[in-house]
Protein backbone atom coordinates (compact mmCIF):
# COMPACT_ATOMS: atom_id res chain seq x y z
CA MET A 1 -11.71 -12.33 -28.41
CA VAL A 2 -8.87 -10.13 -27.25
CA ASP A 3 -5.13 -11.78 -27.36
CA ASP A 4 -3.40 -9.54 -25.41
CA GLU A 5 -5.24 -9.55 -21.80
CA GLY A 6 -2.55 -7.60 -19.79
CA GLU A 7 0.21 -8.67 -17.85
CA TYR A 8 0.15 -10.83 -14.86
CA CYS A 9 1.60 -10.62 -11.45
CA THR A 10 3.98 -13.95 -10.85
CA VAL A 11 3.62 -13.94 -7.24
CA CYS A 12 -0.37 -13.49 -6.95
CA GLY A 13 -1.78 -13.73 -10.45
CA GLY A 14 -3.62 -10.63 -10.40
CA MET A 15 -3.17 -7.89 -12.97
CA VAL A 16 -0.13 -5.86 -13.30
CA SER A 17 -1.42 -1.79 -13.04
CA LYS A 18 -0.55 0.06 -15.88
CA ALA A 19 -1.20 3.54 -14.56
CA GLY A 20 2.59 3.53 -13.35
CA ASP A 21 0.98 4.07 -9.64
CA VAL A 22 2.51 1.37 -7.84
CA GLN A 23 5.40 2.36 -5.29
CA GLN A 24 7.78 -0.07 -3.73
CA ILE A 25 8.24 0.02 0.05
CA MET A 26 10.20 -2.28 2.05
CA VAL A 27 8.21 -5.26 4.42
CA ASP A 28 10.41 -7.34 6.00
CA GLY A 29 13.73 -5.98 4.31
CA LYS A 30 11.71 -6.85 0.86
CA ALA A 31 10.68 -4.59 -1.78
CA VAL A 32 6.83 -4.63 -2.20
CA GLY A 33 5.00 -3.03 -4.77
CA ILE A 34 1.81 -1.06 -3.44
CA ASN A 35 -0.73 0.36 -5.87
CA GLY A 36 -2.11 3.68 -4.89
CA LEU A 37 0.48 4.62 -2.36
CA ASP A 38 0.27 8.66 -2.58
CA GLN A 39 -3.56 8.46 -2.83
CA ILE A 40 -3.89 6.37 0.34
CA LEU A 41 -1.48 8.36 2.43
CA LYS A 42 -3.50 11.42 1.64
CA GLN A 43 -6.44 9.77 2.09
CA VAL A 44 -5.67 8.57 5.89
CA ALA A 45 -4.01 11.68 6.63
CA GLY A 46 -7.10 13.54 5.63
CA LEU A 47 -8.89 11.57 8.60
CA ASN A 48 -7.33 13.18 11.78
CA LEU A 49 -6.79 10.14 13.12
CA SER A 50 -5.89 10.44 17.22
CA GLY A 51 -3.26 7.34 17.41
CA PRO A 52 -0.82 5.37 15.40
CA VAL A 53 -3.05 2.04 15.82
CA GLN A 54 -6.10 3.37 14.43
CA VAL A 55 -3.76 4.87 11.64
CA LYS A 56 -2.35 1.60 11.35
CA GLU A 57 -5.33 0.36 10.86
CA ALA A 58 -6.59 2.80 8.26
CA LEU A 59 -3.98 2.48 5.57
CA LEU A 60 -3.74 -1.53 6.10
CA ALA A 61 -7.76 -1.53 5.12
CA ALA A 62 -6.93 1.38 2.19
CA VAL A 63 -4.21 -0.71 0.93
CA LYS A 64 -5.83 -4.18 1.08
CA ALA A 65 -8.57 -2.30 -1.00
CA ALA A 66 -6.30 -2.46 -4.25
CA ASN A 67 -3.41 -4.67 -2.89
CA TYR A 68 -2.84 -8.28 -1.81
CA VAL A 69 -1.64 -8.54 1.62
CA PRO A 70 -0.75 -12.01 3.01
CA THR A 71 -2.35 -12.54 5.99
CA LYS A 72 0.60 -13.90 8.12
CA LYS A 73 2.27 -10.11 6.82
CA ALA A 74 -0.04 -7.84 7.95
CA GLY A 75 1.75 -6.87 11.04
CA ALA A 76 4.83 -6.24 8.95
CA TYR A 77 2.57 -4.19 6.48
CA GLU A 78 1.35 -1.81 8.93
CA ASP A 79 4.51 -1.16 10.50
CA ALA A 80 6.05 -0.25 7.21
CA LEU A 81 3.02 1.73 5.69
CA TYR A 82 3.01 3.21 9.04
CA SER A 83 6.81 4.28 8.37
CA GLU A 84 5.84 5.67 5.16
CA TYR A 85 3.29 7.70 6.20
CA LEU A 86 5.21 9.09 8.87
CA ARG A 87 7.50 10.47 6.48
CA TYR A 88 4.11 11.84 3.99
CA ILE A 89 3.20 13.91 7.17
CA GLU A 90 6.81 14.92 7.75
CA SER A 91 7.39 16.10 4.26
CA ARG A 92 4.17 18.17 4.26
CA GLY A 93 5.47 20.07 7.28
C-alpha cells in the first residue's frame, strides 16, 4: 500500500497536477488554475473555427476534459478562456 497518494485540491477534491502545466487565469475576478491551457489554446487555434461562439464552446469543452468547471460559472469561464485565446492568437502574429 502506498502511503503518499499525492496532493488533493481543497476545493474540488481532485488530484493536483504535478506536471507543472497549470496556468492561472482570472474568472469573475478570481485566479483559477487551468491544467493544460497552452495545449488547449494551440489545439483550438488549429481547428480554424469561424466565430467567437464556436471558439468559446471548443475552449470550454477542452478545458472541461481535464479540469473542473462549475456549471454556474461556464459562461464566465468561456469569456476568460476566449480572452486568453485572443492573446494567444495575437502573440503568434
